[in-house]
């Protein structure tokens, strides 16, 4: 079970599609950086490409915040390759192929009835603790602007009110 402020479930040597190649990814590769790790249900669907493109469109903003983006679904790396090369060439962050469902299960997003991943989003701090978790219905895409807002708020280390934005007053130390 995912617990906030606890170590994120570790994975090691997961196969990912990344910029035309297959590579092995481990959570430990991201130690020392913030990580926005999200799951989506399936390749070749309707809502998923809107999210994947939206996260790709904010790449520079994530980099400025010392954050990396990583995605996963339960599709194969070959399926990722076919879809991303054909329809999503602007996506330059790695996409994990969680075909054995271990990572999806560890992050509590696996839909056991059909083997897909629910929409899950996790912000993991540089020490690899879960600081934010959101799991939502597959029919609704996530807001990248809200993800960035939450990431910025977490990085302040302070109490941030609803609708807080960078540069606004916080409520003090957490």
N, C-alpha and C. Protein backbone atom coordinates (compact mmCIF):
# COMPACT_ATOMS: atom_id res chain seq x y z
N UNK A 1 0.83 -1.18 0.00
CA UNK A 1 0.00 0.00 0.00
C UNK A 1 0.88 1.25 0.00
N UNK A 2 0.52 2.19 -0.81
CA UNK A 2 1.26 3.46 -0.90
C UNK A 2 1.00 4.28 0.36
N UNK A 3 2.07 4.80 0.93
CA UNK A 3 1.95 5.66 2.11
C UNK A 3 2.76 6.93 1.87
N UNK A 4 2.11 8.05 2.10
CA UNK A 4 2.79 9.33 1.94
C UNK A 4 3.92 9.45 2.96
N UNK A 5 4.96 10.15 2.54
CA UNK A 5 6.15 10.39 3.35
C UNK A 5 6.93 9.12 3.68
N UNK A 6 6.64 8.05 2.96
CA UNK A 6 7.37 6.79 3.09
C UNK A 6 8.11 6.53 1.77
N UNK A 7 9.06 5.62 1.81
CA UNK A 7 9.81 5.28 0.62
C UNK A 7 8.88 4.78 -0.49
N UNK A 8 9.14 5.26 -1.69
CA UNK A 8 8.38 4.80 -2.86
C UNK A 8 8.74 3.34 -3.14
N UNK A 9 7.79 2.56 -3.62
CA UNK A 9 8.12 1.18 -3.98
C UNK A 9 9.24 1.16 -5.03
N UNK A 10 10.27 0.40 -4.74
CA UNK A 10 11.44 0.32 -5.62
C UNK A 10 11.18 -0.62 -6.79
N UNK A 11 11.80 -0.32 -7.90
CA UNK A 11 11.83 -1.25 -9.03
C UNK A 11 13.21 -1.15 -9.64
N UNK A 12 13.65 -2.24 -10.22
CA UNK A 12 15.01 -2.31 -10.72
C UNK A 12 15.03 -3.01 -12.08
N UNK A 13 15.64 -2.37 -13.06
CA UNK A 13 15.80 -2.98 -14.37
C UNK A 13 14.53 -3.14 -15.16
N UNK A 14 13.57 -2.23 -14.97
CA UNK A 14 12.34 -2.28 -15.77
C UNK A 14 12.65 -1.86 -17.20
N UNK A 15 12.08 -2.55 -18.16
CA UNK A 15 12.29 -2.21 -19.56
C UNK A 15 11.43 -1.00 -19.93
N UNK A 16 12.06 -0.02 -20.56
CA UNK A 16 11.36 1.19 -20.96
C UNK A 16 11.70 1.53 -22.41
N UNK A 17 10.75 2.15 -23.07
CA UNK A 17 10.99 2.75 -24.38
C UNK A 17 11.38 4.19 -24.13
N UNK A 18 12.50 4.63 -24.76
CA UNK A 18 12.97 5.99 -24.54
C UNK A 18 13.67 6.48 -25.80
N UNK A 19 13.05 7.44 -26.48
CA UNK A 19 13.65 8.08 -27.65
C UNK A 19 14.18 7.08 -28.68
N UNK A 20 13.34 6.13 -29.05
CA UNK A 20 13.70 5.19 -30.11
C UNK A 20 14.46 3.95 -29.65
N UNK A 21 14.75 3.85 -28.36
CA UNK A 21 15.53 2.72 -27.86
C UNK A 21 14.85 2.08 -26.66
N UNK A 22 15.27 0.86 -26.37
CA UNK A 22 14.85 0.20 -25.15
C UNK A 22 15.98 0.33 -24.14
N UNK A 23 15.63 0.63 -22.91
CA UNK A 23 16.64 0.73 -21.87
C UNK A 23 16.08 0.21 -20.56
N UNK A 24 16.96 -0.06 -19.64
CA UNK A 24 16.57 -0.53 -18.31
C UNK A 24 16.52 0.67 -17.38
N UNK A 25 15.45 0.73 -16.60
CA UNK A 25 15.21 1.86 -15.69
C UNK A 25 15.01 1.31 -14.29
N UNK A 26 15.61 1.99 -13.33
CA UNK A 26 15.40 1.68 -11.91
C UNK A 26 14.98 2.96 -11.20
N UNK A 27 14.21 2.83 -10.16
CA UNK A 27 13.83 4.03 -9.41
C UNK A 27 15.07 4.74 -8.90
N UNK A 28 16.08 3.97 -8.52
CA UNK A 28 17.31 4.57 -7.98
C UNK A 28 18.02 5.49 -8.99
N UNK A 29 17.71 5.36 -10.28
CA UNK A 29 18.28 6.26 -11.30
C UNK A 29 17.88 7.71 -11.04
N UNK A 30 16.81 7.91 -10.30
CA UNK A 30 16.26 9.25 -10.08
C UNK A 30 16.59 9.81 -8.71
N UNK A 31 17.38 9.11 -7.94
CA UNK A 31 17.75 9.58 -6.60
C UNK A 31 18.45 10.94 -6.75
N UNK A 32 18.09 11.88 -5.90
CA UNK A 32 18.67 13.22 -5.95
C UNK A 32 17.87 14.19 -6.79
N UNK A 33 16.81 13.71 -7.44
CA UNK A 33 15.93 14.57 -8.24
C UNK A 33 14.50 14.32 -7.82
N UNK A 34 13.65 15.26 -8.11
CA UNK A 34 12.22 15.04 -7.96
C UNK A 34 11.77 14.21 -9.15
N UNK A 35 10.80 13.35 -8.92
CA UNK A 35 10.28 12.50 -9.99
C UNK A 35 8.76 12.60 -10.03
N UNK A 36 8.25 12.89 -11.21
CA UNK A 36 6.81 12.82 -11.47
C UNK A 36 6.61 11.51 -12.23
N UNK A 37 6.03 10.54 -11.57
CA UNK A 37 5.86 9.19 -12.11
C UNK A 37 4.37 8.94 -12.28
N UNK A 38 3.96 8.73 -13.54
CA UNK A 38 2.53 8.52 -13.75
C UNK A 38 2.27 7.26 -14.58
N UNK A 39 1.12 6.67 -14.30
CA UNK A 39 0.64 5.49 -14.99
C UNK A 39 -0.55 5.88 -15.85
N UNK A 40 -0.67 5.24 -16.99
CA UNK A 40 -1.85 5.44 -17.84
C UNK A 40 -2.35 4.06 -18.28
N UNK A 41 -3.63 3.95 -18.67
CA UNK A 41 -4.22 2.63 -18.92
C UNK A 41 -3.65 1.85 -20.12
N UNK A 42 -3.62 2.43 -21.28
CA UNK A 42 -3.25 1.66 -22.47
C UNK A 42 -2.70 2.56 -23.57
N UNK A 43 -1.82 1.98 -24.38
CA UNK A 43 -1.40 2.63 -25.62
C UNK A 43 -2.56 2.57 -26.62
N UNK A 44 -2.50 3.42 -27.63
CA UNK A 44 -3.49 3.45 -28.71
C UNK A 44 -4.91 3.69 -28.19
N UNK A 45 -5.05 4.62 -27.25
CA UNK A 45 -6.35 4.96 -26.70
C UNK A 45 -6.65 6.43 -26.97
N UNK A 46 -7.70 6.95 -26.36
CA UNK A 46 -8.14 8.31 -26.68
C UNK A 46 -7.65 9.38 -25.71
N UNK A 47 -7.78 9.15 -24.42
CA UNK A 47 -7.39 10.16 -23.41
C UNK A 47 -5.88 10.14 -23.18
N UNK A 48 -5.30 8.95 -23.18
CA UNK A 48 -3.88 8.80 -22.84
C UNK A 48 -2.94 9.68 -23.67
N UNK A 49 -3.09 9.75 -25.00
CA UNK A 49 -2.15 10.59 -25.74
C UNK A 49 -2.26 12.07 -25.39
N UNK A 50 -3.43 12.51 -24.95
CA UNK A 50 -3.55 13.92 -24.57
C UNK A 50 -2.69 14.20 -23.34
N UNK A 51 -2.66 13.26 -22.40
CA UNK A 51 -1.82 13.43 -21.21
C UNK A 51 -0.34 13.32 -21.55
N UNK A 52 0.02 12.31 -22.32
CA UNK A 52 1.42 12.11 -22.68
C UNK A 52 1.99 13.33 -23.40
N UNK A 53 1.22 13.89 -24.33
CA UNK A 53 1.64 15.10 -25.04
C UNK A 53 1.72 16.30 -24.09
N UNK A 54 0.75 16.40 -23.18
CA UNK A 54 0.74 17.54 -22.24
C UNK A 54 1.97 17.52 -21.35
N UNK A 55 2.34 16.34 -20.81
CA UNK A 55 3.54 16.26 -19.99
C UNK A 55 4.77 16.59 -20.82
N UNK A 56 4.83 16.11 -22.05
CA UNK A 56 5.97 16.41 -22.93
C UNK A 56 6.06 17.91 -23.22
N UNK A 57 4.93 18.56 -23.35
CA UNK A 57 4.91 19.99 -23.64
C UNK A 57 5.42 20.87 -22.51
N UNK A 58 5.59 20.30 -21.33
CA UNK A 58 6.07 21.06 -20.17
C UNK A 58 7.44 20.57 -19.71
N UNK A 59 8.15 19.92 -20.58
CA UNK A 59 9.45 19.34 -20.25
C UNK A 59 10.40 20.35 -19.62
N UNK A 60 10.51 21.52 -20.21
CA UNK A 60 11.44 22.54 -19.70
C UNK A 60 11.06 23.02 -18.31
N UNK A 61 9.76 23.12 -18.04
CA UNK A 61 9.32 23.55 -16.72
C UNK A 61 9.70 22.51 -15.66
N UNK A 62 9.55 21.23 -15.99
CA UNK A 62 9.96 20.18 -15.05
C UNK A 62 11.47 20.23 -14.83
N UNK A 63 12.23 20.41 -15.88
CA UNK A 63 13.69 20.45 -15.76
C UNK A 63 14.12 21.60 -14.85
N UNK A 64 13.49 22.77 -14.99
CA UNK A 64 13.82 23.92 -14.15
C UNK A 64 13.56 23.64 -12.67
N UNK A 65 12.67 22.70 -12.40
CA UNK A 65 12.33 22.34 -11.02
C UNK A 65 13.11 21.11 -10.55
N UNK A 66 14.19 20.75 -11.27
CA UNK A 66 15.00 19.58 -10.93
C UNK A 66 14.13 18.32 -10.86
N UNK A 67 13.19 18.22 -11.79
CA UNK A 67 12.26 17.09 -11.80
C UNK A 67 12.34 16.36 -13.14
N UNK A 68 12.22 15.06 -13.06
CA UNK A 68 12.15 14.20 -14.24
C UNK A 68 10.73 13.66 -14.34
N UNK A 69 10.32 13.31 -15.54
CA UNK A 69 9.02 12.69 -15.78
C UNK A 69 9.27 11.27 -16.24
N UNK A 70 8.47 10.35 -15.73
CA UNK A 70 8.54 8.94 -16.09
C UNK A 70 7.11 8.43 -16.14
N UNK A 71 6.79 7.66 -17.17
CA UNK A 71 5.44 7.10 -17.30
C UNK A 71 5.51 5.59 -17.41
N UNK A 72 4.37 4.96 -17.19
CA UNK A 72 4.29 3.50 -17.28
C UNK A 72 2.88 3.08 -17.66
N UNK A 73 2.82 1.99 -18.41
CA UNK A 73 1.57 1.28 -18.63
C UNK A 73 1.90 -0.20 -18.67
N UNK A 74 0.90 -1.02 -18.77
CA UNK A 74 1.13 -2.47 -18.79
C UNK A 74 1.31 -3.00 -20.21
N UNK A 75 1.39 -2.12 -21.18
CA UNK A 75 1.68 -2.53 -22.56
C UNK A 75 3.15 -2.91 -22.69
N UNK A 76 3.49 -3.62 -23.76
CA UNK A 76 4.88 -4.04 -23.99
C UNK A 76 5.72 -2.88 -24.52
N UNK A 77 7.03 -3.04 -24.41
CA UNK A 77 7.94 -2.03 -24.97
C UNK A 77 7.78 -1.92 -26.48
N UNK A 78 7.42 -3.04 -27.14
CA UNK A 78 7.21 -3.04 -28.59
C UNK A 78 5.96 -2.25 -28.96
N UNK A 79 4.95 -2.37 -28.14
CA UNK A 79 3.73 -1.60 -28.34
C UNK A 79 4.05 -0.11 -28.15
N UNK A 80 4.79 0.22 -27.09
CA UNK A 80 5.21 1.61 -26.86
C UNK A 80 5.96 2.14 -28.09
N UNK A 81 6.92 1.37 -28.56
CA UNK A 81 7.74 1.79 -29.71
C UNK A 81 6.86 2.11 -30.91
N UNK A 82 5.95 1.21 -31.24
CA UNK A 82 5.07 1.42 -32.40
C UNK A 82 4.23 2.67 -32.24
N UNK A 83 3.66 2.86 -31.05
CA UNK A 83 2.76 3.99 -30.84
C UNK A 83 3.51 5.31 -30.76
N UNK A 84 4.58 5.34 -30.00
CA UNK A 84 5.29 6.60 -29.81
C UNK A 84 5.99 7.06 -31.08
N UNK A 85 6.55 6.14 -31.84
CA UNK A 85 7.20 6.54 -33.09
C UNK A 85 6.18 7.02 -34.11
N UNK A 86 5.01 6.42 -34.12
CA UNK A 86 3.99 6.80 -35.09
C UNK A 86 3.24 8.06 -34.69
N UNK A 87 2.82 8.13 -33.41
CA UNK A 87 1.88 9.18 -33.01
C UNK A 87 2.40 10.19 -31.99
N UNK A 88 3.49 9.85 -31.27
CA UNK A 88 3.91 10.71 -30.16
C UNK A 88 5.42 10.98 -30.17
N UNK A 89 5.95 11.44 -31.29
CA UNK A 89 7.41 11.67 -31.34
C UNK A 89 7.89 12.76 -30.40
N UNK A 90 7.00 13.63 -29.94
CA UNK A 90 7.39 14.72 -29.03
C UNK A 90 7.62 14.24 -27.60
N UNK A 91 7.23 13.02 -27.29
CA UNK A 91 7.43 12.49 -25.94
C UNK A 91 8.87 12.00 -25.82
N UNK A 92 9.64 12.65 -24.95
CA UNK A 92 11.06 12.32 -24.82
C UNK A 92 11.42 11.74 -23.45
N UNK A 93 10.45 11.55 -22.59
CA UNK A 93 10.71 10.90 -21.30
C UNK A 93 10.47 9.40 -21.46
N UNK A 94 11.07 8.58 -20.61
CA UNK A 94 10.93 7.13 -20.72
C UNK A 94 9.52 6.64 -20.37
N UNK A 95 9.12 5.55 -21.02
CA UNK A 95 7.84 4.90 -20.79
C UNK A 95 8.10 3.45 -20.42
N UNK A 96 7.81 3.08 -19.18
CA UNK A 96 8.04 1.72 -18.72
C UNK A 96 6.98 0.77 -19.26
N UNK A 97 7.42 -0.41 -19.66
CA UNK A 97 6.53 -1.50 -20.07
C UNK A 97 6.39 -2.44 -18.86
N UNK A 98 5.31 -2.30 -18.14
CA UNK A 98 5.09 -3.10 -16.92
C UNK A 98 4.24 -4.32 -17.24
N UNK A 99 4.75 -5.16 -18.10
CA UNK A 99 3.97 -6.31 -18.57
C UNK A 99 3.72 -7.35 -17.47
N UNK A 100 4.59 -7.46 -16.50
CA UNK A 100 4.37 -8.44 -15.43
C UNK A 100 3.51 -7.86 -14.30
N UNK A 101 3.16 -6.58 -14.42
CA UNK A 101 2.25 -5.86 -13.51
C UNK A 101 2.83 -5.62 -12.12
N UNK A 102 4.08 -5.92 -11.91
CA UNK A 102 4.66 -5.76 -10.58
C UNK A 102 4.69 -4.30 -10.12
N UNK A 103 5.10 -3.41 -11.01
CA UNK A 103 5.20 -2.01 -10.62
C UNK A 103 3.80 -1.42 -10.41
N UNK A 104 2.89 -1.71 -11.32
CA UNK A 104 1.51 -1.22 -11.18
C UNK A 104 0.88 -1.73 -9.90
N UNK A 105 1.13 -2.97 -9.58
CA UNK A 105 0.59 -3.54 -8.34
C UNK A 105 1.23 -2.87 -7.11
N UNK A 106 2.55 -2.69 -7.15
CA UNK A 106 3.25 -2.06 -6.02
C UNK A 106 2.77 -0.62 -5.77
N UNK A 107 2.37 0.06 -6.83
CA UNK A 107 1.90 1.44 -6.70
C UNK A 107 0.37 1.51 -6.56
N UNK A 108 -0.26 0.36 -6.38
CA UNK A 108 -1.72 0.28 -6.15
C UNK A 108 -2.56 0.87 -7.27
N UNK A 109 -2.12 0.72 -8.51
CA UNK A 109 -2.91 1.23 -9.63
C UNK A 109 -3.36 0.13 -10.59
N UNK A 110 -3.01 -1.12 -10.34
CA UNK A 110 -3.36 -2.19 -11.26
C UNK A 110 -4.85 -2.48 -11.21
N UNK A 111 -5.47 -2.51 -12.37
CA UNK A 111 -6.86 -2.94 -12.52
C UNK A 111 -6.80 -4.44 -12.77
N UNK A 112 -7.01 -5.21 -11.73
CA UNK A 112 -6.84 -6.67 -11.80
C UNK A 112 -7.77 -7.32 -12.81
N UNK A 113 -8.93 -6.73 -13.08
CA UNK A 113 -9.90 -7.37 -13.97
C UNK A 113 -9.43 -7.43 -15.41
N UNK A 114 -8.65 -6.44 -15.86
CA UNK A 114 -8.21 -6.47 -17.26
C UNK A 114 -6.70 -6.29 -17.44
N UNK A 115 -5.96 -6.15 -16.33
CA UNK A 115 -4.51 -6.04 -16.43
C UNK A 115 -3.99 -4.68 -16.86
N UNK A 116 -4.85 -3.69 -16.89
CA UNK A 116 -4.39 -2.34 -17.24
C UNK A 116 -4.05 -1.57 -15.97
N UNK A 117 -3.38 -0.46 -16.14
CA UNK A 117 -3.09 0.42 -15.01
C UNK A 117 -4.15 1.52 -14.97
N UNK A 118 -4.61 1.83 -13.78
CA UNK A 118 -5.47 3.01 -13.61
C UNK A 118 -4.58 4.24 -13.72
N UNK A 119 -5.21 5.40 -13.86
CA UNK A 119 -4.44 6.64 -13.91
C UNK A 119 -3.92 6.95 -12.51
N UNK A 120 -2.64 6.81 -12.33
CA UNK A 120 -2.01 7.13 -11.05
C UNK A 120 -0.88 8.11 -11.28
N UNK A 121 -0.73 9.06 -10.37
CA UNK A 121 0.33 10.04 -10.47
C UNK A 121 0.98 10.17 -9.10
N UNK A 122 2.30 10.10 -9.08
CA UNK A 122 3.06 10.14 -7.84
C UNK A 122 4.19 11.14 -7.98
N UNK A 123 4.32 12.01 -7.00
CA UNK A 123 5.48 12.91 -6.95
C UNK A 123 6.38 12.36 -5.85
N UNK A 124 7.61 12.06 -6.26
CA UNK A 124 8.59 11.42 -5.38
C UNK A 124 9.74 12.40 -5.18
N UNK A 125 10.12 12.62 -3.93
CA UNK A 125 11.16 13.60 -3.63
C UNK A 125 12.56 13.03 -3.89
N UNK A 126 13.60 13.86 -3.79
CA UNK A 126 14.96 13.40 -4.09
C UNK A 126 15.46 12.26 -3.20
N UNK A 127 14.85 12.08 -2.03
CA UNK A 127 15.21 10.96 -1.15
C UNK A 127 14.36 9.74 -1.42
N UNK A 128 13.50 9.84 -2.44
CA UNK A 128 12.63 8.77 -2.93
C UNK A 128 11.47 8.44 -2.00
N UNK A 129 10.97 9.48 -1.35
CA UNK A 129 9.75 9.36 -0.55
C UNK A 129 8.56 9.85 -1.37
N UNK A 130 7.43 9.19 -1.22
CA UNK A 130 6.19 9.62 -1.89
C UNK A 130 5.68 10.86 -1.16
N UNK A 131 5.53 11.94 -1.92
CA UNK A 131 5.03 13.19 -1.34
C UNK A 131 3.62 13.53 -1.82
N UNK A 132 3.20 12.92 -2.91
CA UNK A 132 1.87 13.22 -3.48
C UNK A 132 1.44 12.00 -4.26
N UNK A 133 0.17 11.62 -4.11
CA UNK A 133 -0.38 10.49 -4.84
C UNK A 133 -1.80 10.83 -5.27
N UNK A 134 -2.11 10.52 -6.52
CA UNK A 134 -3.44 10.76 -7.06
C UNK A 134 -3.79 9.60 -7.97
N UNK A 135 -4.91 8.97 -7.73
CA UNK A 135 -5.39 7.90 -8.60
C UNK A 135 -6.79 8.29 -9.03
N UNK A 136 -7.02 8.26 -10.34
CA UNK A 136 -8.30 8.75 -10.85
C UNK A 136 -8.88 7.79 -11.89
N UNK A 137 -10.12 8.04 -12.24
CA UNK A 137 -10.82 7.25 -13.26
C UNK A 137 -10.11 7.39 -14.60
N UNK A 138 -10.13 6.32 -15.36
CA UNK A 138 -9.46 6.32 -16.66
C UNK A 138 -10.07 7.25 -17.68
N UNK A 139 -11.29 7.69 -17.46
CA UNK A 139 -11.98 8.52 -18.44
C UNK A 139 -11.62 10.00 -18.34
N UNK A 140 -10.84 10.39 -17.32
CA UNK A 140 -10.53 11.80 -17.10
C UNK A 140 -9.02 12.01 -17.11
N UNK A 141 -8.55 12.85 -18.02
CA UNK A 141 -7.12 13.17 -18.09
C UNK A 141 -6.71 14.11 -16.96
N UNK A 142 -5.43 14.05 -16.61
CA UNK A 142 -4.89 14.86 -15.52
C UNK A 142 -4.44 16.22 -16.01
N UNK A 143 -4.33 17.15 -15.09
CA UNK A 143 -3.87 18.50 -15.38
C UNK A 143 -2.37 18.60 -15.10
N UNK A 144 -1.59 18.87 -16.12
CA UNK A 144 -0.15 19.05 -15.93
C UNK A 144 0.11 20.35 -15.17
N UNK A 145 -0.70 21.36 -15.40
CA UNK A 145 -0.54 22.62 -14.66
C UNK A 145 -0.71 22.38 -13.16
N UNK A 146 -1.66 21.54 -12.77
CA UNK A 146 -1.86 21.24 -11.35
C UNK A 146 -0.69 20.41 -10.82
N UNK A 147 -0.17 19.50 -11.63
CA UNK A 147 0.99 18.72 -11.21
C UNK A 147 2.18 19.64 -10.95
N UNK A 148 2.41 20.59 -11.83
CA UNK A 148 3.51 21.55 -11.64
C UNK A 148 3.28 22.40 -10.41
N UNK A 149 2.04 22.83 -10.18
CA UNK A 149 1.72 23.65 -9.01
C UNK A 149 2.01 22.87 -7.72
N UNK A 150 1.59 21.61 -7.68
CA UNK A 150 1.83 20.79 -6.49
C UNK A 150 3.32 20.56 -6.30
N UNK A 151 4.04 20.28 -7.37
CA UNK A 151 5.49 20.08 -7.29
C UNK A 151 6.17 21.32 -6.72
N UNK A 152 5.81 22.49 -7.24
CA UNK A 152 6.39 23.74 -6.73
C UNK A 152 6.05 23.94 -5.26
N UNK A 153 4.82 23.64 -4.89
CA UNK A 153 4.40 23.80 -3.49
C UNK A 153 5.20 22.85 -2.58
N UNK A 154 5.35 21.60 -3.00
CA UNK A 154 6.12 20.64 -2.20
C UNK A 154 7.57 21.10 -2.04
N UNK A 155 8.12 21.69 -3.08
CA UNK A 155 9.51 22.12 -3.03
C UNK A 155 9.74 23.30 -2.09
N UNK A 156 8.69 24.03 -1.73
CA UNK A 156 8.87 25.14 -0.80
C UNK A 156 9.15 24.62 0.61
N UNK A 157 8.66 23.42 0.92
CA UNK A 157 8.79 22.89 2.28
C UNK A 157 7.89 23.62 3.27
N UNK A 158 6.96 24.39 2.75
CA UNK A 158 6.08 25.18 3.61
C UNK A 158 4.63 24.77 3.41
N UNK A 159 3.77 25.31 4.25
CA UNK A 159 2.34 25.08 4.13
C UNK A 159 1.80 25.99 3.04
N UNK A 160 1.15 25.42 2.05
CA UNK A 160 0.64 26.19 0.92
C UNK A 160 -0.88 26.06 0.85
N UNK A 161 -1.59 27.18 0.83
CA UNK A 161 -3.06 27.11 0.81
C UNK A 161 -3.59 26.63 -0.54
N UNK A 162 -4.87 26.35 -0.58
CA UNK A 162 -5.53 25.96 -1.83
C UNK A 162 -5.29 27.04 -2.88
N UNK A 163 -5.10 26.61 -4.09
CA UNK A 163 -4.89 27.49 -5.25
C UNK A 163 -3.58 28.29 -5.18
N UNK A 164 -2.70 27.96 -4.24
CA UNK A 164 -1.40 28.64 -4.12
C UNK A 164 -0.63 28.51 -5.42
N UNK A 165 0.08 29.58 -5.77
CA UNK A 165 0.97 29.57 -6.95
C UNK A 165 2.32 30.13 -6.55
N UNK A 166 3.36 29.75 -7.28
CA UNK A 166 4.72 30.19 -6.99
C UNK A 166 4.76 31.72 -6.92
N UNK A 167 5.44 32.21 -5.92
CA UNK A 167 5.55 33.65 -5.72
C UNK A 167 4.52 34.20 -4.73
N UNK A 168 3.50 33.42 -4.45
CA UNK A 168 2.50 33.85 -3.49
C UNK A 168 2.96 33.50 -2.07
N UNK A 169 2.34 34.15 -1.11
CA UNK A 169 2.66 33.92 0.29
C UNK A 169 2.23 32.53 0.73
N UNK A 170 3.08 31.88 1.48
CA UNK A 170 2.74 30.59 2.06
C UNK A 170 2.21 30.82 3.47
N UNK A 171 1.84 29.76 4.14
CA UNK A 171 1.32 29.87 5.50
C UNK A 171 2.38 29.58 6.55
N UNK A 172 3.63 29.47 6.12
CA UNK A 172 4.72 29.22 7.05
C UNK A 172 5.30 27.81 6.90
N UNK A 173 6.22 27.50 7.77
CA UNK A 173 6.92 26.21 7.71
C UNK A 173 5.99 25.05 7.99
N UNK A 174 6.23 23.98 7.27
CA UNK A 174 5.41 22.76 7.47
C UNK A 174 5.79 22.08 8.76
